[in-house]
C-alpha atoms as a PDB file:
ATOM      1  CA  MET A   1     162.109   2.513 126.246  1.00  0.00           C
ATOM      2  CA  THR A   2     164.109   4.850 128.729  1.00  0.00           C
ATOM      3  CA  LEU A   3     165.571   8.225 128.003  1.00  0.00           C
ATOM      4  CA  ASP A   4     169.181   8.372 126.943  1.00  0.00           C
ATOM      5  CA  ALA A   5     170.064  11.153 128.696  1.00  0.00           C
ATOM      6  CA  ARG A   6     173.870  11.075 127.514  1.00  0.00           C
ATOM      7  CA  ARG A   7     172.315  11.589 123.759  1.00  0.00           C
ATOM      8  CA  LEU A   8     169.915  14.287 125.308  1.00  0.00           C
ATOM      9  CA  GLU A   9     173.170  16.187 127.108  1.00  0.00           C
ATOM     10  CA  ASP A  10     175.303  15.719 123.655  1.00  0.00           C
ATOM     11  CA  LEU A  11     171.913  16.968 121.386  1.00  0.00           C
ATOM     12  CA  LEU A  12     172.109  19.969 124.413  1.00  0.00           C
ATOM     13  CA  ARG A  13     175.983  21.095 124.311  1.00  0.00           C
ATOM     14  CA  TRP A  14     177.040  19.860 120.810  1.00  0.00           C
ATOM     15  CA  HIS A  15     173.931  20.508 118.747  1.00  0.00           C
ATOM     16  CA  GLN A  16     171.402  23.021 119.291  1.00  0.00           C
ATOM     17  CA  SER A  17     173.129  25.578 121.830  1.00  0.00           C
ATOM     18  CA  GLY A  18     171.508  24.411 124.694  1.00  0.00           C
ATOM     19  CA  VAL A  19     167.610  23.429 122.604  1.00  0.00           C
ATOM     20  CA  VAL A  20     165.399  20.994 122.648  1.00  0.00           C
ATOM     21  CA  ALA A  21     161.729  20.581 121.390  1.00  0.00           C
ATOM     22  CA  ARG A  22     159.516  17.983 123.321  1.00  0.00           C
ATOM     23  CA  ARG A  23     159.674  15.874 120.441  1.00  0.00           C
ATOM     24  CA  GLN A  24     162.996  15.546 120.476  1.00  0.00           C
ATOM     25  CA  ILE A  25     163.014  14.021 123.841  1.00  0.00           C
ATOM     26  CA  LEU A  26     160.061  11.345 123.197  1.00  0.00           C
ATOM     27  CA  GLU A  27     162.254  10.498 119.939  1.00  0.00           C
ATOM     28  CA  LEU A  28     165.557   9.647 122.910  1.00  0.00           C
ATOM     29  CA  GLY A  29     162.909   7.283 124.532  1.00  0.00           C
ATOM     30  CA  GLY A  30     162.242  10.094 127.321  1.00  0.00           C
ATOM     31  CA  THR A  31     158.268  10.399 128.549  1.00  0.00           C
ATOM     32  CA  ASP A  32     156.292  13.469 129.909  1.00  0.00           C
ATOM     33  CA  ALA A  33     156.921  12.455 133.068  1.00  0.00           C
ATOM     34  CA  ASP A  34     160.659  12.882 132.431  1.00  0.00           C
ATOM     35  CA  ILE A  35     160.129  16.142 131.079  1.00  0.00           C
ATOM     36  CA  ALA A  36     158.570  17.060 133.985  1.00  0.00           C
ATOM     37  CA  ARG A  37     161.174  16.049 136.242  1.00  0.00           C
ATOM     38  CA  LEU A  38     163.548  18.061 134.380  1.00  0.00           C
ATOM     39  CA  LEU A  39     161.817  20.896 134.485  1.00  0.00           C
ATOM     40  CA  ARG A  40     161.265  20.462 138.830  1.00  0.00           C
ATOM     41  CA  ARG A  41     164.716  19.786 139.073  1.00  0.00           C
ATOM     42  CA  ARG A  42     165.362  23.242 136.344  1.00  0.00           C
ATOM     43  CA  ASP A  43     167.604  21.255 133.945  1.00  0.00           C
ATOM     44  CA  LEU A  44     165.365  22.345 131.463  1.00  0.00           C
ATOM     45  CA  VAL A  45     163.257  25.649 131.238  1.00  0.00           C
ATOM     46  CA  VAL A  46     160.347  26.638 129.052  1.00  0.00           C
ATOM     47  CA  VAL A  47     160.856  29.274 126.678  1.00  0.00           C
ATOM     48  CA  HIS A  48     157.725  28.013 124.626  1.00  0.00           C
ATOM     49  CA  PRO A  49     155.150  25.345 124.379  1.00  0.00           C
ATOM     50  CA  GLY A  50     157.212  22.193 123.860  1.00  0.00           C
ATOM     51  CA  VAL A  51     160.590  23.643 123.604  1.00  0.00           C
ATOM     52  CA  TYR A  52     163.104  24.156 126.661  1.00  0.00           C
ATOM     53  CA  VAL A  53     166.726  25.806 127.055  1.00  0.00           C
ATOM     54  CA  ASN A  54     168.570  24.126 129.648  1.00  0.00           C
ATOM     55  CA  HIS A  55     169.274  27.404 131.551  1.00  0.00           C
ATOM     56  CA  THR A  56     167.854  30.042 133.328  1.00  0.00           C
ATOM     57  CA  GLY A  57     168.254  33.574 132.396  1.00  0.00           C
ATOM     58  CA  GLY A  58     168.330  35.182 128.944  1.00  0.00           C
ATOM     59  CA  LEU A  59     168.993  33.825 125.515  1.00  0.00           C
ATOM     60  CA  ALA A  60     171.889  34.562 123.173  1.00  0.00           C
ATOM     61  CA  THR A  61     170.872  34.772 119.215  1.00  0.00           C
ATOM     62  CA  ILE A  62     171.487  31.483 118.498  1.00  0.00           C
ATOM     63  CA  GLN A  63     169.466  29.890 121.102  1.00  0.00           C
ATOM     64  CA  GLN A  64     166.410  32.379 120.042  1.00  0.00           C
ATOM     65  CA  GLN A  65     166.703  31.198 116.599  1.00  0.00           C
ATOM     66  CA  TRP A  66     167.104  27.826 117.761  1.00  0.00           C
ATOM     67  CA  VAL A  67     163.454  28.298 119.213  1.00  0.00           C
ATOM     68  CA  ALA A  68     162.018  29.781 116.332  1.00  0.00           C
ATOM     69  CA  VAL A  69     162.884  26.985 114.345  1.00  0.00           C
ATOM     70  CA  LEU A  70     161.928  24.242 116.719  1.00  0.00           C
ATOM     71  CA  ALA A  71     158.607  25.652 117.496  1.00  0.00           C
ATOM     72  CA  ARG A  72     157.550  26.094 113.877  1.00  0.00           C
ATOM     73  CA  TRP A  73     159.212  22.471 112.872  1.00  0.00           C
ATOM     74  CA  PRO A  74     159.932  22.069 110.159  1.00  0.00           C
ATOM     75  CA  ALA A  75     161.373  25.202 109.399  1.00  0.00           C
ATOM     76  CA  ALA A  76     164.925  27.203 108.577  1.00  0.00           C
ATOM     77  CA  LEU A  77     166.122  30.628 109.015  1.00  0.00           C
ATOM     78  CA  ALA A  78     165.855  32.974 106.028  1.00  0.00           C
ATOM     79  CA  ARG A  79     166.874  35.964 104.808  1.00  0.00           C
ATOM     80  CA  GLU A  80     169.353  38.213 107.073  1.00  0.00           C
ATOM     81  CA  SER A  81     169.387  35.620 109.777  1.00  0.00           C
ATOM     82  CA  ALA A  82     170.545  32.897 107.310  1.00  0.00           C
ATOM     83  CA  LEU A  83     173.203  35.128 106.208  1.00  0.00           C
ATOM     84  CA  GLY A  84     174.547  36.299 109.678  1.00  0.00           C
ATOM     85  CA  GLU A  85     173.097  39.866 108.471  1.00  0.00           C
ATOM     86  CA  PRO A  86     171.868  42.623 111.611  1.00  0.00           C
ATOM     87  CA  GLY A  87     168.001  41.568 111.444  1.00  0.00           C
ATOM     88  CA  GLY A  88     167.175  44.821 113.812  1.00  0.00           C
ATOM     89  CA  GLY A  89     166.061  42.056 116.575  1.00  0.00           C
ATOM     90  CA  VAL A  90     163.647  40.284 113.935  1.00  0.00           C
ATOM     91  CA  ILE A  91     164.412  36.734 113.211  1.00  0.00           C
ATOM     92  CA  HIS A  92     163.515  35.587 109.507  1.00  0.00           C
ATOM     93  CA  LEU A  93     162.078  32.141 109.536  1.00  0.00           C
ATOM     94  CA  ALA A  94     161.131  29.901 106.467  1.00  0.00           C
ATOM     95  CA  VAL A  95     158.188  27.539 106.108  1.00  0.00           C
ATOM     96  CA  ASP A  96     156.439  25.457 103.985  1.00  0.00           C
ATOM     97  CA  ARG A  97     154.280  27.778 101.846  1.00  0.00           C
ATOM     98  CA  HIS A  98     151.276  25.375 102.778  1.00  0.00           C
ATOM     99  CA  ARG A  99     151.365  25.795 106.201  1.00  0.00           C
ATOM    100  CA  HIS A 100     149.197  28.146 108.170  1.00  0.00           C
ATOM    101  CA  ILE A 101     150.821  28.485 111.397  1.00  0.00           C
ATOM    102  CA  ASP A 102     150.556  30.739 114.556  1.00  0.00           C
ATOM    103  CA  PRO A 103     153.132  33.966 114.433  1.00  0.00           C
ATOM    104  CA  LEU A 104     155.845  33.834 117.348  1.00  0.00           C
ATOM    105  CA  PRO A 105     156.802  36.964 119.104  1.00  0.00           C
ATOM    106  CA  GLY A 106     160.010  38.884 117.424  1.00  0.00           C
ATOM    107  CA  VAL A 107     160.193  36.459 114.238  1.00  0.00           C
ATOM    108  CA  GLU A 108     158.911  37.439 110.808  1.00  0.00           C
ATOM    109  CA  ILE A 109     157.614  34.562 109.196  1.00  0.00           C
ATOM    110  CA  HIS A 110     158.036  33.474 105.650  1.00  0.00           C
ATOM    111  CA  ARG A 111     156.424  30.954 103.467  1.00  0.00           C
ATOM    112  CA  VAL A 112     158.394  29.375 100.751  1.00  0.00           C
ATOM    113  CA  THR A 113     158.302  27.374  98.198  1.00  0.00           C
ATOM    114  CA  ASP A 114     160.485  24.144  98.310  1.00  0.00           C
ATOM    115  CA  LEU A 115     161.416  24.449 101.710  1.00  0.00           C
ATOM    116  CA  LYS A 116     163.070  21.179 101.388  1.00  0.00           C
ATOM    117  CA  GLY A 117     165.442  21.387  98.727  1.00  0.00           C
ATOM    118  CA  ARG A 118     166.198  25.012  99.505  1.00  0.00           C
ATOM    119  CA  THR A 119     167.130  24.398 103.034  1.00  0.00           C
ATOM    120  CA  ASP A 120     170.876  23.425 104.153  1.00  0.00           C
ATOM    121  CA  TRP A 121     170.016  20.985 106.750  1.00  0.00           C
ATOM    122  CA  ARG A 122     173.129  20.600 107.806  1.00  0.00           C
ATOM    123  CA  THR A 123     173.675  23.787 109.604  1.00  0.00           C
ATOM    124  CA  THR A 124     172.877  24.472 113.125  1.00  0.00           C
ATOM    125  CA  PRO A 125     170.589  25.617 113.450  1.00  0.00           C
ATOM    126  CA  PRO A 126     168.822  24.806 109.862  1.00  0.00           C
ATOM    127  CA  GLN A 127     168.769  27.394 107.398  1.00  0.00           C
ATOM    128  CA  ILE A 128     168.271  28.859 103.610  1.00  0.00           C
ATOM    129  CA  ARG A 129     170.962  28.145 101.253  1.00  0.00           C
ATOM    130  CA  ALA A 130     172.787  31.426 100.753  1.00  0.00           C
ATOM    131  CA  SER A 131     172.191  32.070  97.511  1.00  0.00           C
ATOM    132  CA  GLU A 132     168.582  31.805  98.130  1.00  0.00           C
ATOM    133  CA  ALA A 133     168.685  33.463 100.921  1.00  0.00           C
ATOM    134  CA  VAL A 134     170.744  36.482  99.333  1.00  0.00           C
ATOM    135  CA  ILE A 135     168.061  36.633  96.663  1.00  0.00           C
ATOM    136  CA  ASP A 136     165.546  36.561  99.285  1.00  0.00           C
ATOM    137  CA  THR A 137     167.402  39.701 101.137  1.00  0.00           C
ATOM    138  CA  MET A 138     168.109  41.869  98.358  1.00  0.00           C
ATOM    139  CA  VAL A 139     164.254  41.644  96.753  1.00  0.00           C
ATOM    140  CA  ALA A 140     163.570  42.714  99.830  1.00  0.00           C
ATOM    141  CA  ARG A 141     165.506  45.795  99.866  1.00  0.00           C
ATOM    142  CA  LEU A 142     164.934  46.860  96.574  1.00  0.00           C
ATOM    143  CA  ASP A 143     160.933  46.453  97.724  1.00  0.00           C
ATOM    144  CA  GLU A 144     161.949  49.274  99.735  1.00  0.00           C
ATOM    145  CA  ASP A 145     163.692  51.332  96.994  1.00  0.00           C
ATOM    146  CA  ASP A 146     167.427  50.920  98.610  1.00  0.00           C
ATOM    147  CA  VAL A 147     169.669  49.790  95.671  1.00  0.00           C
ATOM    148  CA  ALA A 148     172.526  50.569  97.991  1.00  0.00           C
ATOM    149  CA  ALA A 149     171.563  47.997 100.795  1.00  0.00           C
ATOM    150  CA  ALA A 150     170.337  45.165  98.245  1.00  0.00           C
ATOM    151  CA  PHE A 151     174.275  45.641  96.628  1.00  0.00           C
ATOM    152  CA  ALA A 152     175.427  45.747 100.338  1.00  0.00           C
ATOM    153  CA  VAL A 153     174.018  42.248 100.927  1.00  0.00           C
ATOM    154  CA  LEU A 154     175.230  40.714  97.682  1.00  0.00           C
ATOM    155  CA  ALA A 155     178.567  41.942  98.372  1.00  0.00           C
ATOM    156  CA  ARG A 156     178.949  40.715 102.454  1.00  0.00           C
ATOM    157  CA  ALA A 157     177.922  37.101 101.180  1.00  0.00           C
ATOM    158  CA  CYS A 158     180.295  36.972  98.259  1.00  0.00           C
ATOM    159  CA  PHE A 159     182.875  37.562 101.162  1.00  0.00           C
ATOM    160  CA  ARG A 160     181.309  35.531 103.673  1.00  0.00           C
ATOM    161  CA  ARG A 161     179.039  33.081 102.058  1.00  0.00           C
ATOM    162  CA  THR A 162     178.577  32.074  98.779  1.00  0.00           C
ATOM    163  CA  ASN A 163     179.411  33.843  95.698  1.00  0.00           C
ATOM    164  CA  ALA A 164     178.078  35.341  92.202  1.00  0.00           C
ATOM    165  CA  ASP A 165     178.079  32.640  90.206  1.00  0.00           C
ATOM    166  CA  ARG A 166     176.408  30.573  92.580  1.00  0.00           C
ATOM    167  CA  VAL A 167     173.895  33.282  93.339  1.00  0.00           C
ATOM    168  CA  ALA A 168     173.017  33.454  89.907  1.00  0.00           C
ATOM    169  CA  ARG A 169     172.883  29.639  89.961  1.00  0.00           C
ATOM    170  CA  ALA A 170     170.050  29.985  92.242  1.00  0.00           C
ATOM    171  CA  LEU A 171     168.211  33.025  90.234  1.00  0.00           C
ATOM    172  CA  ALA A 172     168.110  31.394  86.880  1.00  0.00           C
ATOM    173  CA  GLY A 173     166.344  28.128  88.932  1.00  0.00           C
ATOM    174  CA  ARG A 174     163.500  29.728  90.276  1.00  0.00           C
ATOM    175  CA  GLY A 175     160.376  31.437  88.200  1.00  0.00           C
ATOM    176  CA  ARG A 176     159.103  34.795  88.613  1.00  0.00           C
ATOM    177  CA  VAL A 177     161.617  36.908  91.194  1.00  0.00           C
ATOM    178  CA  PRO A 178     160.590  40.902  91.576  1.00  0.00           C
ATOM    179  CA  HIS A 179     163.586  43.021  90.390  1.00  0.00           C
ATOM    180  CA  ARG A 180     165.192  40.071  88.516  1.00  0.00           C
ATOM    181  CA  ARG A 181     166.527  42.700  85.974  1.00  0.00           C
ATOM    182  CA  MET A 182     168.044  44.770  88.697  1.00  0.00           C
ATOM    183  CA  ILE A 183     169.507  41.265  90.607  1.00  0.00           C
ATOM    184  CA  THR A 184     171.031  40.523  87.085  1.00  0.00           C
ATOM    185  CA  ALA A 185     172.633  43.513  86.880  1.00  0.00           C
ATOM    186  CA  MET A 186     174.369  43.587  90.442  1.00  0.00           C
ATOM    187  CA  LEU A 187     175.468  39.957  89.664  1.00  0.00           C
ATOM    188  CA  ASP A 188     177.564  41.676  86.313  1.00  0.00           C
ATOM    189  CA  ASP A 189     178.513  44.300  89.004  1.00  0.00           C
ATOM    190  CA  ARG A 190     179.646  41.861  91.005  1.00  0.00           C
ATOM    191  CA  ARG A 191     182.045  39.682  88.450  1.00  0.00           C
ATOM    192  CA  THR A 192     183.301  42.789  87.267  1.00  0.00           C
ATOM    193  CA  GLY A 193     185.271  43.252  90.572  1.00  0.00           C
ATOM    194  CA  ALA A 194     182.725  45.778  92.485  1.00  0.00           C
ATOM    195  CA  CYS A 195     183.175  44.452  95.596  1.00  0.00           C
ATOM    196  CA  SER A 196     181.196  47.422  97.546  1.00  0.00           C
ATOM    197  CA  VAL A 197     178.563  50.003  97.332  1.00  0.00           C
ATOM    198  CA  LEU A 198     181.037  52.663  97.339  1.00  0.00           C
ATOM    199  CA  GLU A 199     183.028  50.760  94.336  1.00  0.00           C
ATOM    200  CA  ARG A 200     179.951  49.806  92.350  1.00  0.00           C
ATOM    201  CA  GLY A 201     178.538  53.861  92.878  1.00  0.00           C
ATOM    202  CA  TYR A 202     181.675  54.787  91.328  1.00  0.00           C
ATOM    203  CA  LEU A 203     181.426  51.992  88.362  1.00  0.00           C
ATOM    204  CA  HIS A 204     178.283  53.402  87.594  1.00  0.00           C
ATOM    205  CA  TRP A 205     177.798  57.096  88.758  1.00  0.00           C
ATOM    206  CA  VAL A 206     181.927  57.879  88.048  1.00  0.00           C
ATOM    207  CA  GLU A 207     183.128  55.603  85.136  1.00  0.00           C
ATOM    208  CA  ARG A 208     180.118  54.478  83.072  1.00  0.00           C
ATOM    209  CA  ALA A 209     178.014  57.786  83.538  1.00  0.00           C
ATOM    210  CA  HIS A 210     180.666  59.953  82.118  1.00  0.00           C
ATOM    211  CA  GLY A 211     182.399  57.502  79.137  1.00  0.00           C
ATOM    212  CA  LEU A 212     185.544  56.879  80.916  1.00  0.00           C
ATOM    213  CA  PRO A 213     187.822  54.161  79.890  1.00  0.00           C
ATOM    214  CA  HIS A 214     187.177  50.570  81.429  1.00  0.00           C
ATOM    215  CA  GLY A 215     189.102  50.032  84.387  1.00  0.00           C
ATOM    216  CA  THR A 216     190.388  46.432  85.707  1.00  0.00           C
ATOM    217  CA  ARG A 217     188.684  45.626  89.141  1.00  0.00           C
ATOM    218  CA  GLN A 218     190.939  44.148  91.557  1.00  0.00           C
ATOM    219  CA  ALA A 219     194.028  44.105  89.910  1.00  0.00           C
ATOM    220  CA  GLN A 220     196.985  42.409  91.820  1.00  0.00           C
ATOM    221  CA  SER A 221     200.376  44.804  93.209  1.00  0.00           C
ATOM    222  CA  THR A 222     202.859  43.703  94.295  1.00  0.00           C
ATOM    223  CA  ALA A 223     204.726  47.002  94.955  1.00  0.00           C
ATOM    224  CA  THR A 224     205.156  46.854  98.256  1.00  0.00           C
ATOM    225  CA  GLY A 225     206.665  42.789  98.452  1.00  0.00           C
ATOM    226  CA  ALA A 226     203.490  41.768  99.083  1.00  0.00           C
ATOM    227  CA  ARG A 227     200.343  41.128  96.952  1.00  0.00           C
ATOM    228  CA  THR A 228     197.165  43.422  97.173  1.00  0.00           C
ATOM    229  CA  ASP A 229     194.331  44.197  95.158  1.00  0.00           C
ATOM    230  CA  GLN A 230     193.905  47.603  94.164  1.00  0.00           C
ATOM    231  CA  ASP A 231     190.056  48.833  93.489  1.00  0.00           C
ATOM    232  CA  VAL A 232     190.567  50.350  89.524  1.00  0.00           C
ATOM    233  CA  ARG A 233     193.809  49.858  87.930  1.00  0.00           C
ATOM    234  CA  TYR A 234     193.525  51.492  84.235  1.00  0.00           C
ATOM    235  CA  GLU A 235     196.074  49.710  83.217  1.00  0.00           C
ATOM    236  CA  LYS A 236     197.420  51.795  79.630  1.00  0.00           C
ATOM    237  CA  TYR A 237     197.321  54.970  81.591  1.00  0.00           C
ATOM    238  CA  GLY A 238     199.153  54.142  84.658  1.00  0.00           C
ATOM    239  CA  VAL A 239     196.536  55.348  86.597  1.00  0.00           C
ATOM    240  CA  VAL A 240     195.493  53.666  90.111  1.00  0.00           C
ATOM    241  CA  VAL A 241     192.105  54.673  91.836  1.00  0.00           C
ATOM    242  CA  GLU A 242     191.546  53.379  95.387  1.00  0.00           C
ATOM    243  CA  LEU A 243     188.261  53.908  97.055  1.00  0.00           C
ATOM    244  CA  ASP A 244     188.172  54.373 100.518  1.00  0.00           C
ATOM    245  CA  GLY A 245     185.196  53.782 102.331  1.00  0.00           C
ATOM    246  CA  ARG A 246     186.920  54.368 106.151  1.00  0.00           C
ATOM    247  CA  THR A 247     185.607  57.979 108.066  1.00  0.00           C
ATOM    248  CA  HIS A 248     188.657  57.189 110.787  1.00  0.00           C
ATOM    249  CA  ASP A 249     192.117  56.003 110.059  1.00  0.00           C
ATOM    250  CA  ALA A 250     194.895  55.489 112.426  1.00  0.00           C
ATOM    251  CA  ALA A 251     198.339  56.828 111.853  1.00  0.00           C
ATOM    252  CA  ALA A 252     199.991  53.532 111.019  1.00  0.00           C
ATOM    253  CA  THR A 253     196.904  52.712 108.803  1.00  0.00           C
ATOM    254  CA  ARG A 254     197.357  56.433 106.493  1.00  0.00           C
ATOM    255  CA  ASP A 255     201.184  55.738 106.928  1.00  0.00           C
ATOM    256  CA  ALA A 256     200.554  52.033 105.111  1.00  0.00           C
ATOM    257  CA  ASP A 257     198.063  53.648 102.608  1.00  0.00           C
ATOM    258  CA  ALA A 258     200.879  55.897 101.405  1.00  0.00           C
ATOM    259  CA  LYS A 259     203.454  53.417 101.315  1.00  0.00           C
ATOM    260  CA  ARG A 260     201.258  51.294  99.155  1.00  0.00           C
ATOM    261  CA  ASP A 261     200.917  54.572  96.848  1.00  0.00           C
ATOM    262  CA  LEU A 262     204.498  55.713  97.167  1.00  0.00           C
ATOM    263  CA  ALA A 263     205.824  51.990  95.953  1.00  0.00           C
ATOM    264  CA  GLU A 264     203.387  52.152  93.420  1.00  0.00           C
ATOM    265  CA  LEU A 265     204.693  55.051  92.218  1.00  0.00           C
ATOM    266  CA  ALA A 266     208.311  54.034  92.590  1.00  0.00           C
ATOM    267  CA  THR A 267     207.883  50.443  90.828  1.00  0.00           C
ATOM    268  CA  THR A 268     205.518  50.968  87.761  1.00  0.00           C
ATOM    269  CA  GLY A 269     205.465  54.848  87.682  1.00  0.00           C
ATOM    270  CA  ALA A 270     201.666  54.601  87.944  1.00  0.00           C
ATOM    271  CA  VAL A 271     199.991  57.103  89.623  1.00  0.00           C
ATOM    272  CA  THR A 272     196.947  56.534  92.884  1.00  0.00           C
ATOM    273  CA  ALA A 273     194.119  58.567  93.109  1.00  0.00           C
ATOM    274  CA  ARG A 274     191.976  58.351  96.277  1.00  0.00           C
ATOM    275  CA  VAL A 275     188.628  58.662  96.074  1.00  0.00           C
ATOM    276  CA  THR A 276     185.884  58.663  98.819  1.00  0.00           C
ATOM    277  CA  TYR A 277     182.353  58.240  99.731  1.00  0.00           C
ATOM    278  CA  GLY A 278     181.627  61.733  99.235  1.00  0.00           C
ATOM    279  CA  LEU A 279     183.290  62.246  95.707  1.00  0.00           C
ATOM    280  CA  VAL A 280     181.538  59.094  94.565  1.00  0.00           C
ATOM    281  CA  PHE A 281     178.113  59.806  95.675  1.00  0.00           C
ATOM    282  CA  ARG A 282     177.676  63.713  96.329  1.00  0.00           C
ATOM    283  CA  GLU A 283     180.388  64.728  94.064  1.00  0.00           C
ATOM    284  CA  HIS A 284     180.586  62.031  90.945  1.00  0.00           C
ATOM    285  CA  CYS A 285     180.889  64.544  88.145  1.00  0.00           C
ATOM    286  CA  ALA A 286     183.669  66.388  90.074  1.00  0.00           C
ATOM    287  CA  THR A 287     185.248  63.976  90.337  1.00  0.00           C
ATOM    288  CA  ALA A 288     184.932  61.989  86.992  1.00  0.00           C
ATOM    289  CA  ARG A 289     186.384  65.213  85.702  1.00  0.00           C
ATOM    290  CA  TRP A 290     188.938  65.122  87.418  1.00  0.00           C
ATOM    291  CA  ILE A 291     189.844  61.498  87.064  1.00  0.00           C
ATOM    292  CA  GLY A 292     189.240  62.072  83.416  1.00  0.00           C
ATOM    293  CA  ALA A 293     191.977  65.020  84.053  1.00  0.00           C
ATOM    294  CA  ILE A 294     194.919  62.708  85.154  1.00  0.00           C
ATOM    295  CA  LEU A 295     194.128  60.268  82.065  1.00  0.00           C
ATOM    296  CA  ARG A 296     194.836  62.682  79.776  1.00  0.00           C
ATOM    297  CA  ARG A 297     197.529  64.142  81.383  1.00  0.00           C
ATOM    298  CA  ARG A 298     198.698  60.348  80.804  1.00  0.00           C
ATOM    299  CA  GLY A 299     197.894  59.582  77.340  1.00  0.00           C
ATOM    300  CA  TRP A 300     193.913  59.411  77.008  1.00  0.00           C
ATOM    301  CA  THR A 301     192.591  61.184  74.116  1.00  0.00           C
ATOM    302  CA  GLY A 302     188.730  60.871  74.826  1.00  0.00           C
ATOM    303  CA  GLU A 303     186.904  63.557  77.341  1.00  0.00           C
ATOM    304  CA  PRO A 304     184.438  62.725  79.805  1.00  0.00           C
ATOM    305  CA  LYS A 305     180.693  62.934  78.393  1.00  0.00           C
ATOM    306  CA  ARG A 306     178.091  65.057  80.001  1.00  0.00           C
ATOM    307  CA  CYS A 307     175.784  62.698  82.745  1.00  0.00           C
ATOM    308  CA  PRO A 308     172.148  63.647  83.145  1.00  0.00           C
ATOM    309  CA  HIS A 309     173.378  65.103  86.890  1.00  0.00           C
ATOM    310  CA  CYS A 310     176.283  67.521  84.909  1.00  0.00           C
ATOM    311  CA  PRO A 311     175.542  70.984  86.021  1.00  0.00           C
ATOM    312  CA  PRO A 312     174.866  73.086  83.102  1.00  0.00           C
END
């Protein structure tokens, strides 16, 4: 049996971003003599014992991930690495919980139960399924007492990789999970339409904490002629709250926002209040009073209640 050079080239070029393991070359009919020849010709370069790349020079992030996976095979990207989240230069790698393996530089190894069942082996590189990786990453952020970061992980993943229902099913299928109640509460918030840390902050710190009416999240509007999603709409009172977490806006963007606010007022009579990050997380009590006053002018008969943080 001889090395199938075409299949090796396909594997390198189309499937594994230029990275290959010794065992894979042997499976393609190669020998250690073939590997030695490829190394002499610089067709392959050693990046880890038994793992090679098809070029010299630095490695791209995906190549570093492939090296980690192949060096500790069977393994899969985990946590931030499986979600495409910034990892601070660290690759998170999952292996079976019963394995005892040597560490790798720049790689944080996580031993998990049921690696086979929790991994999507069709992805390149293989990675823990997004719903499972979300839970693992949220637990890690909550261990650091960073609630905002945990919800941010969930919100971003629900836009790009999964949804709250899939994460909830994965959570229900697990045994003991640290911070389960907090994760469940965050999933409930995401289902109600809170799509960012700022939106969840408004929900908890402004609306719920001060007894404001319950607003509708991500309500659809066609006031400008195009469909837009409104962050919070108090339909009964004709009040819209737009939560603006941006720090720098071009003039065209500000004009578009103003146009949307005017169109909403002109077509439905709804007034729009723009609330920033600082108004939610630093001045939430004052913000609640202001939103309450707007709602009362529009027919709400209630009063904002005091929260434990309200000044005397």
